[in-house]
Every structure is written in structure tokens, then in C-alpha cells.
Amino acid sequence: MEPRKIDWDMLSAIIGKHRGEKWGLIPLLQEVQESLGYIPPEAIAPIASALKLYPSEVQGVIEFYAGLSLKPKGKHVFKVCRGTACHVKGSRSILAIMKKELGIDEGETSPDYKYSLETVACLGACFLAPTMMVNKEYMGRLSPRKIESVLAHFTESKEEKP
């Protein structure tokens, strides 16, 4: 699996919807991220031009917000919560299992672009601690056994795991 190729026609259409709207930068970036899985660095200049901003302003916004990325992500993005409640309930061991099973460290994407592993300050689901988000789905009350089940669901087969 490879990162999605940049569809310049689609990107132009997204930019066109927000042309001239400086306040539209974040919605534009979110739409690009949603469509491509990341914001290609090559898209910064056309975005800046359309919104009459400096490229450094666009890049600064991308780098400020943790939900935006200049790097392609895997097909499945695992976000392990590191908030206080999750930490107390064992998120550190959940993260260790994820690293071992996926063969990647936090902040990394597998070479085949199937998986990305991230940590987040808080997912806001403390009552389900420890929690993790996979793509847009919350997983709560995690345990080592439950992690095996989650990974089995999101990996094609045990043999294909990185």
C-alpha cells in the first residue's frame, strides 16, 4: 500500500471553495486532510496564494494543530490516549503492546502505510479509560486481551503484520 497520490483537480476544487477566505484556512486544511489523509507540502503554496496568506502562515497552522499532518498516515491510525485517567489505568502498557505488535514506534507509520501509531494528550473519554481511537472509532476499557482483538480486527492477517 502506498500513500494516496495527490489529486490536483480535487485539491483545486477544495481550494476554490475557500478562495479569498482567510478565516477558511482551518476548514480548508481539514478538508484536504480528510480527503488525502495528510496535507501534501506541495499544496502549501497554492493554498497560501488562494487565501492571500504567506506559505509560512499556512505551514505554521498545520504544525500547530496535532490533528493536521504534512506526512502521509497509514490506512489505520491508532491514537493511544496518554491523559491522566488513561495513564493511571494502564495506557503505558497498551502503548507498549501496540508498538510491539505493529513493529513501529509512536509517531511512526509502517513502511507499507497500513498503520500509524500516535499518542494524544486526551481523547476526552476518561470514563472508558484506558482508551484508544482507531481511525474515527473509540475503543475503551482496553486490556492486553482486548488489544489482541482490536488488532485482529484491523489487520488483514497475523502473517501480514509488520
Protein backbone atom coordinates (compact mmCIF):
# COMPACT_ATOMS: atom_id res chain seq x y z
CA MET A 1 0.00 0.00 0.00
CA GLU A 2 1.26 3.47 -0.87
CA PRO A 3 0.19 6.90 0.33
CA ARG A 4 -2.62 8.35 -1.77
CA LYS A 5 -1.42 10.23 -4.83
CA ILE A 6 -2.18 13.92 -4.90
CA ASP A 7 -5.33 14.54 -6.92
CA TRP A 8 -4.62 18.09 -8.06
CA ASP A 9 -8.11 18.52 -9.54
CA MET A 10 -9.71 17.61 -6.22
CA LEU A 11 -7.24 19.81 -4.35
CA SER A 12 -8.00 22.73 -6.68
CA ALA A 13 -11.73 22.25 -6.09
CA ILE A 14 -11.24 22.31 -2.31
CA ILE A 15 -9.06 25.42 -2.54
CA GLY A 16 -11.58 27.05 -4.88
CA LYS A 17 -14.37 26.66 -2.32
CA HIS A 18 -12.37 28.73 0.17
CA ARG A 19 -10.59 31.17 -2.17
CA GLY A 20 -10.11 34.59 -0.58
CA GLU A 21 -11.41 33.50 2.84
CA LYS A 22 -8.52 33.84 5.30
CA TRP A 23 -10.83 32.56 8.04
CA GLY A 24 -11.39 29.46 5.89
CA LEU A 25 -7.82 28.19 6.30
CA ILE A 26 -8.57 25.62 9.01
CA PRO A 27 -11.70 24.19 7.32
CA LEU A 28 -9.75 24.03 4.04
CA LEU A 29 -6.84 22.20 5.70
CA GLN A 30 -9.25 19.82 7.45
CA GLU A 31 -10.93 19.03 4.14
CA VAL A 32 -7.60 18.35 2.43
CA GLN A 33 -6.52 16.17 5.38
CA GLU A 34 -9.82 14.27 5.26
CA SER A 35 -9.54 13.70 1.50
CA LEU A 36 -5.86 12.72 1.27
CA GLY A 37 -5.06 11.58 4.80
CA TYR A 38 -2.45 14.35 5.08
CA ILE A 39 -1.64 17.79 3.71
CA PRO A 40 1.00 17.48 0.98
CA PRO A 41 3.78 20.05 1.46
CA GLU A 42 3.40 20.86 -2.26
CA ALA A 43 -0.13 22.10 -1.50
CA ILE A 44 1.01 24.82 0.91
CA ALA A 45 1.93 27.40 -1.76
CA PRO A 46 -1.34 27.13 -3.74
CA ILE A 47 -3.36 27.25 -0.52
CA ALA A 48 -1.47 30.33 0.69
CA SER A 49 -1.90 32.05 -2.67
CA ALA A 50 -5.65 31.39 -2.79
CA LEU A 51 -6.17 32.74 0.73
CA LYS A 52 -3.73 35.64 0.32
CA LEU A 53 -1.52 34.33 3.11
CA TYR A 54 2.20 33.67 3.36
CA PRO A 55 3.19 30.00 2.96
CA SER A 56 4.84 30.22 6.40
CA GLU A 57 1.45 31.14 7.92
CA VAL A 58 -0.18 28.07 6.37
CA GLN A 59 2.68 25.82 7.47
CA GLY A 60 2.57 27.31 10.97
CA VAL A 61 -1.12 26.44 11.32
CA ILE A 62 -0.51 22.89 10.07
CA GLU A 63 2.35 22.39 12.52
CA PHE A 64 0.42 23.91 15.43
CA TYR A 65 -2.60 21.61 15.23
CA ALA A 66 -1.90 18.00 16.20
CA GLY A 67 -4.78 16.79 14.01
CA LEU A 68 -3.09 18.06 10.85
CA SER A 69 -0.10 16.35 9.26
CA LEU A 70 2.36 17.02 6.45
CA LYS A 71 3.23 13.30 6.30
CA PRO A 72 1.09 10.50 4.89
CA LYS A 73 -0.55 8.32 7.52
CA GLY A 74 -1.34 4.63 7.44
CA LYS A 75 -4.69 3.20 6.40
CA HIS A 76 -5.38 2.61 10.10
CA VAL A 77 -4.33 5.31 12.57
CA PHE A 78 -4.11 4.15 16.19
CA LYS A 79 -4.20 7.02 18.71
CA VAL A 80 -3.44 5.93 22.28
CA CYS A 81 -4.64 8.31 25.00
CA ARG A 82 -1.98 9.48 27.46
CA GLY A 83 -4.33 11.53 29.67
CA THR A 84 -4.23 11.20 33.45
CA ALA A 85 -7.13 8.75 33.79
CA CYS A 86 -5.80 6.56 30.97
CA HIS A 87 -2.26 6.71 32.34
CA VAL A 88 -3.43 5.60 35.79
CA LYS A 89 -5.47 2.77 34.21
CA GLY A 90 -2.54 1.43 32.15
CA SER A 91 -2.22 3.26 28.84
CA ARG A 92 1.56 2.90 29.04
CA SER A 93 1.28 -0.89 28.76
CA ILE A 94 -1.32 -0.52 25.97
CA LEU A 95 1.14 1.65 24.04
CA ALA A 96 3.97 -0.85 24.63
CA ILE A 97 1.83 -3.69 23.25
CA MET A 98 0.83 -1.62 20.22
CA LYS A 99 4.47 -0.75 19.48
CA LYS A 100 5.49 -4.40 19.71
CA GLU A 101 2.60 -5.78 17.66
CA LEU A 102 2.73 -3.14 14.91
CA GLY A 103 6.53 -3.01 14.83
CA ILE A 104 6.55 0.80 14.88
CA ASP A 105 7.17 3.46 17.49
CA GLU A 106 4.80 6.27 18.42
CA GLY A 107 4.75 8.95 15.73
CA GLU A 108 5.67 6.43 13.03
CA THR A 109 3.91 4.87 10.07
CA SER A 110 4.62 1.34 8.89
CA PRO A 111 6.67 1.15 5.66
CA ASP A 112 3.65 -0.34 3.84
CA TYR A 113 1.41 2.56 5.00
CA LYS A 114 -1.05 0.20 6.65
CA TYR A 115 -0.61 1.52 10.21
CA SER A 116 0.29 4.70 12.06
CA LEU A 117 0.75 4.87 15.83
CA GLU A 118 0.27 8.12 17.72
CA THR A 119 -0.27 9.28 21.26
CA VAL A 120 -2.64 12.08 22.19
CA ALA A 121 -2.87 14.18 25.35
CA CYS A 122 -6.52 13.25 25.95
CA LEU A 123 -9.32 11.71 23.91
CA GLY A 124 -11.98 13.04 26.28
CA ALA A 125 -13.38 9.61 27.12
CA CYS A 126 -11.92 9.28 30.62
CA PHE A 127 -14.84 7.15 31.83
CA LEU A 128 -13.68 4.47 29.36
CA ALA A 129 -10.01 4.58 30.43
CA PRO A 130 -7.70 3.39 29.09
CA THR A 131 -8.83 4.44 25.64
CA MET A 132 -7.60 4.48 22.09
CA MET A 133 -9.04 5.77 18.86
CA VAL A 134 -8.66 3.75 15.67
CA ASN A 135 -9.37 5.95 12.67
CA LYS A 136 -12.56 7.60 13.98
CA GLU A 137 -13.72 4.82 16.30
CA TYR A 138 -13.24 4.95 20.08
CA MET A 139 -12.08 1.81 21.89
CA GLY A 140 -12.38 1.82 25.67
CA ARG A 141 -11.64 -0.18 28.79
CA LEU A 142 -8.65 -1.64 26.98
CA SER A 143 -6.67 -4.59 28.26
CA PRO A 144 -3.92 -6.67 26.65
CA ARG A 145 -6.54 -9.25 25.59
CA LYS A 146 -8.78 -6.57 24.11
CA ILE A 147 -5.80 -5.12 22.21
CA GLU A 148 -5.30 -8.52 20.55
CA SER A 149 -8.93 -8.43 19.43
CA VAL A 150 -8.66 -4.84 18.15
CA LEU A 151 -5.50 -5.63 16.20
CA ALA A 152 -7.04 -8.79 14.74
CA HIS A 153 -9.96 -6.69 13.50
CA PHE A 154 -7.74 -4.05 11.85
CA THR A 155 -5.02 -6.29 10.44
CA GLU A 156 -5.71 -8.45 7.40
CA SER A 157 -4.00 -11.47 8.92
CA LYS A 158 -1.42 -12.25 11.58
CA GLU A 159 1.09 -13.20 8.88
CA GLU A 160 0.86 -9.78 7.21
CA LYS A 161 1.61 -7.78 10.36
CA PRO A 162 4.76 -5.69 10.04
